[in-house]
Amino acid sequence: MEYRGVVVGSNEELFRVGPMLGTNNLGEFLALVDALRLLAERGDEERAIYTDSITARAWVRDRKVKTTLPRNARTREVFLLVDEALEWLRAHPAPMKRILKWPTKSWGEIPADFGRK
């Protein structure tokens, strides 16, 4: 699993993490939280954040991750990031109105997906 944040239009890569052992849903969740954190650090509280993952959006909203990936030595790296992301979300409530569903049928694949679908 790996994930990144990309500016729509310019395709500027804002961050990239991985690869590591994980799941697509965990990568989508971590990308949303990293985008929220980055924009908060920049003082940009209005920019829309797009995702094609209903699951990741729900995990951000609920501040809970419901994955079946086992916690073990092989998944330690991803769960460190998940735990850190959840801690950040608890301290910084996510403005869900700015996390929008990417309309894949209309716009095609989301640029952050590395073009692998």
C-alpha atoms as a PDB file:
ATOM      1  CA  MET A   1       0.000   0.000   0.000  1.00  0.00           C
ATOM      2  CA  GLU A   2       1.070   3.546  -0.698  1.00  0.00           C
ATOM      3  CA  TYR A   3      -0.782   6.819  -0.826  1.00  0.00           C
ATOM      4  CA  ARG A   4      -0.344  10.413  -1.840  1.00  0.00           C
ATOM      5  CA  GLY A   5      -2.040  13.764  -2.044  1.00  0.00           C
ATOM      6  CA  VAL A   6      -2.288  15.477  -5.423  1.00  0.00           C
ATOM      7  CA  VAL A   7      -3.529  18.955  -6.348  1.00  0.00           C
ATOM      8  CA  VAL A   8      -6.378  18.567  -8.828  1.00  0.00           C
ATOM      9  CA  GLY A   9      -5.579  20.364 -12.051  1.00  0.00           C
ATOM     10  CA  SER A  10      -1.823  20.731 -11.705  1.00  0.00           C
ATOM     11  CA  ASN A  11      -1.181  17.146 -10.490  1.00  0.00           C
ATOM     12  CA  GLU A  12       1.374  18.579  -8.044  1.00  0.00           C
ATOM     13  CA  GLU A  13       2.202  15.871  -5.516  1.00  0.00           C
ATOM     14  CA  LEU A  14       1.885  17.263  -1.987  1.00  0.00           C
ATOM     15  CA  PHE A  15       2.940  14.113  -0.146  1.00  0.00           C
ATOM     16  CA  ARG A  16       3.641  10.441  -0.791  1.00  0.00           C
ATOM     17  CA  VAL A  17       3.930   7.669   1.784  1.00  0.00           C
ATOM     18  CA  GLY A  18       4.850   4.024   1.294  1.00  0.00           C
ATOM     19  CA  PRO A  19       4.950   1.442   0.061  1.00  0.00           C
ATOM     20  CA  MET A  20       4.217  -0.628   3.132  1.00  0.00           C
ATOM     21  CA  LEU A  21       1.988  -3.523   4.109  1.00  0.00           C
ATOM     22  CA  GLY A  22      -1.567  -2.257   4.437  1.00  0.00           C
ATOM     23  CA  THR A  23      -4.929  -2.093   2.661  1.00  0.00           C
ATOM     24  CA  ASN A  24      -6.426   0.291   0.149  1.00  0.00           C
ATOM     25  CA  ASN A  25      -8.913   1.558   2.742  1.00  0.00           C
ATOM     26  CA  LEU A  26      -6.147   2.307   5.231  1.00  0.00           C
ATOM     27  CA  GLY A  27      -4.209   4.160   2.535  1.00  0.00           C
ATOM     28  CA  GLU A  28      -7.276   6.206   1.603  1.00  0.00           C
ATOM     29  CA  PHE A  29      -7.922   7.039   5.272  1.00  0.00           C
ATOM     30  CA  LEU A  30      -4.326   8.050   5.917  1.00  0.00           C
ATOM     31  CA  ALA A  31      -4.287  10.198   2.782  1.00  0.00           C
ATOM     32  CA  LEU A  32      -7.364  12.095   3.974  1.00  0.00           C
ATOM     33  CA  VAL A  33      -5.888  12.744   7.411  1.00  0.00           C
ATOM     34  CA  ASP A  34      -2.524  13.747   5.951  1.00  0.00           C
ATOM     35  CA  ALA A  35      -4.311  16.174   3.613  1.00  0.00           C
ATOM     36  CA  LEU A  36      -6.290  17.654   6.513  1.00  0.00           C
ATOM     37  CA  ARG A  37      -3.106  18.032   8.574  1.00  0.00           C
ATOM     38  CA  LEU A  38      -1.125  19.586   5.741  1.00  0.00           C
ATOM     39  CA  LEU A  39      -3.824  22.101   4.926  1.00  0.00           C
ATOM     40  CA  ALA A  40      -4.280  22.941   8.625  1.00  0.00           C
ATOM     41  CA  GLU A  41      -0.532  23.571   8.935  1.00  0.00           C
ATOM     42  CA  ARG A  42      -0.746  25.886   5.929  1.00  0.00           C
ATOM     43  CA  GLY A  43      -3.756  27.707   7.359  1.00  0.00           C
ATOM     44  CA  ASP A  44      -5.877  26.580   4.419  1.00  0.00           C
ATOM     45  CA  GLU A  45      -9.175  25.693   6.051  1.00  0.00           C
ATOM     46  CA  GLU A  46     -11.364  26.023   2.946  1.00  0.00           C
ATOM     47  CA  ARG A  47      -9.816  23.908   0.166  1.00  0.00           C
ATOM     48  CA  ALA A  48     -11.883  20.884  -0.832  1.00  0.00           C
ATOM     49  CA  ILE A  49     -10.377  17.440  -0.370  1.00  0.00           C
ATOM     50  CA  TYR A  50     -11.599  14.716  -2.717  1.00  0.00           C
ATOM     51  CA  THR A  51     -11.742  10.974  -2.137  1.00  0.00           C
ATOM     52  CA  ASP A  52     -13.256   8.111  -4.050  1.00  0.00           C
ATOM     53  CA  SER A  53     -13.501   6.084  -0.831  1.00  0.00           C
ATOM     54  CA  ILE A  54     -16.771   6.115   1.075  1.00  0.00           C
ATOM     55  CA  THR A  55     -15.138   3.903   3.712  1.00  0.00           C
ATOM     56  CA  ALA A  56     -12.207   6.242   4.366  1.00  0.00           C
ATOM     57  CA  ARG A  57     -14.544   9.232   4.615  1.00  0.00           C
ATOM     58  CA  ALA A  58     -16.661   7.362   7.185  1.00  0.00           C
ATOM     59  CA  TRP A  59     -13.566   6.437   9.198  1.00  0.00           C
ATOM     60  CA  VAL A  60     -12.517  10.106   9.319  1.00  0.00           C
ATOM     61  CA  ARG A  61     -16.046  11.172  10.274  1.00  0.00           C
ATOM     62  CA  ASP A  62     -16.330   8.529  13.012  1.00  0.00           C
ATOM     63  CA  ARG A  63     -12.698   8.802  14.127  1.00  0.00           C
ATOM     64  CA  LYS A  64     -12.545   4.992  14.038  1.00  0.00           C
ATOM     65  CA  VAL A  65     -10.846   2.542  11.724  1.00  0.00           C
ATOM     66  CA  LYS A  66     -12.630  -0.746  11.116  1.00  0.00           C
ATOM     67  CA  THR A  67     -10.088  -2.918   9.358  1.00  0.00           C
ATOM     68  CA  THR A  68      -9.580  -6.652   9.408  1.00  0.00           C
ATOM     69  CA  LEU A  69      -5.839  -6.242   8.856  1.00  0.00           C
ATOM     70  CA  PRO A  70      -4.141  -7.875  11.841  1.00  0.00           C
ATOM     71  CA  ARG A  71      -1.821  -5.886  14.072  1.00  0.00           C
ATOM     72  CA  ASN A  72       1.488  -7.668  14.042  1.00  0.00           C
ATOM     73  CA  ALA A  73       5.165  -7.071  13.339  1.00  0.00           C
ATOM     74  CA  ARG A  74       4.558  -6.948   9.571  1.00  0.00           C
ATOM     75  CA  THR A  75       1.831  -4.285   9.866  1.00  0.00           C
ATOM     76  CA  ARG A  76       3.491  -2.261  12.621  1.00  0.00           C
ATOM     77  CA  GLU A  77       4.433   0.616  10.289  1.00  0.00           C
ATOM     78  CA  VAL A  78       0.931   1.197   8.960  1.00  0.00           C
ATOM     79  CA  PHE A  79      -0.679   0.934  12.398  1.00  0.00           C
ATOM     80  CA  LEU A  80       1.746   3.493  13.819  1.00  0.00           C
ATOM     81  CA  LEU A  81       0.479   5.884  11.143  1.00  0.00           C
ATOM     82  CA  VAL A  82      -3.158   4.940  11.809  1.00  0.00           C
ATOM     83  CA  ASP A  83      -2.798   5.507  15.549  1.00  0.00           C
ATOM     84  CA  GLU A  84      -1.119   8.870  14.943  1.00  0.00           C
ATOM     85  CA  ALA A  85      -3.868   9.871  12.481  1.00  0.00           C
ATOM     86  CA  LEU A  86      -6.619   8.928  14.936  1.00  0.00           C
ATOM     87  CA  GLU A  87      -4.916  10.903  17.683  1.00  0.00           C
ATOM     88  CA  TRP A  88      -4.723  13.942  15.398  1.00  0.00           C
ATOM     89  CA  LEU A  89      -8.409  13.605  14.449  1.00  0.00           C
ATOM     90  CA  ARG A  90      -9.447  13.465  18.093  1.00  0.00           C
ATOM     91  CA  ALA A  91      -7.617  16.729  18.719  1.00  0.00           C
ATOM     92  CA  HIS A  92      -8.709  18.387  15.456  1.00  0.00           C
ATOM     93  CA  PRO A  93     -12.276  17.628  14.433  1.00  0.00           C
ATOM     94  CA  ALA A  94     -12.403  17.178  10.662  1.00  0.00           C
ATOM     95  CA  PRO A  95     -14.693  19.547   8.790  1.00  0.00           C
ATOM     96  CA  MET A  96     -16.532  16.861   6.838  1.00  0.00           C
ATOM     97  CA  LYS A  97     -18.141  19.403   4.489  1.00  0.00           C
ATOM     98  CA  ARG A  98     -14.760  19.868   2.808  1.00  0.00           C
ATOM     99  CA  ILE A  99     -14.161  16.143   2.183  1.00  0.00           C
ATOM    100  CA  LEU A 100     -16.039  15.548  -1.048  1.00  0.00           C
ATOM    101  CA  LYS A 101     -16.815  12.390  -3.020  1.00  0.00           C
ATOM    102  CA  TRP A 102     -14.799  12.245  -6.242  1.00  0.00           C
ATOM    103  CA  PRO A 103     -17.287  11.637  -9.114  1.00  0.00           C
ATOM    104  CA  THR A 104     -15.350   8.882 -10.876  1.00  0.00           C
ATOM    105  CA  LYS A 105     -18.050   8.245 -13.502  1.00  0.00           C
ATOM    106  CA  SER A 106     -17.942  11.889 -14.601  1.00  0.00           C
ATOM    107  CA  TRP A 107     -14.289  12.835 -14.040  1.00  0.00           C
ATOM    108  CA  GLY A 108     -12.443   9.519 -14.418  1.00  0.00           C
ATOM    109  CA  GLU A 109     -10.044   8.030 -11.895  1.00  0.00           C
ATOM    110  CA  ILE A 110      -8.869  10.271  -9.081  1.00  0.00           C
ATOM    111  CA  PRO A 111      -5.297  11.526  -9.787  1.00  0.00           C
ATOM    112  CA  ALA A 112      -3.945  10.346  -6.426  1.00  0.00           C
ATOM    113  CA  ASP A 113      -4.586   6.673  -7.344  1.00  0.00           C
ATOM    114  CA  PHE A 114      -1.324   6.374  -9.297  1.00  0.00           C
ATOM    115  CA  GLY A 115      -3.248   5.358 -12.441  1.00  0.00           C
ATOM    116  CA  ARG A 116      -3.291   1.689 -11.382  1.00  0.00           C
ATOM    117  CA  LYS A 117      -6.997   0.887 -11.529  1.00  0.00           C
END
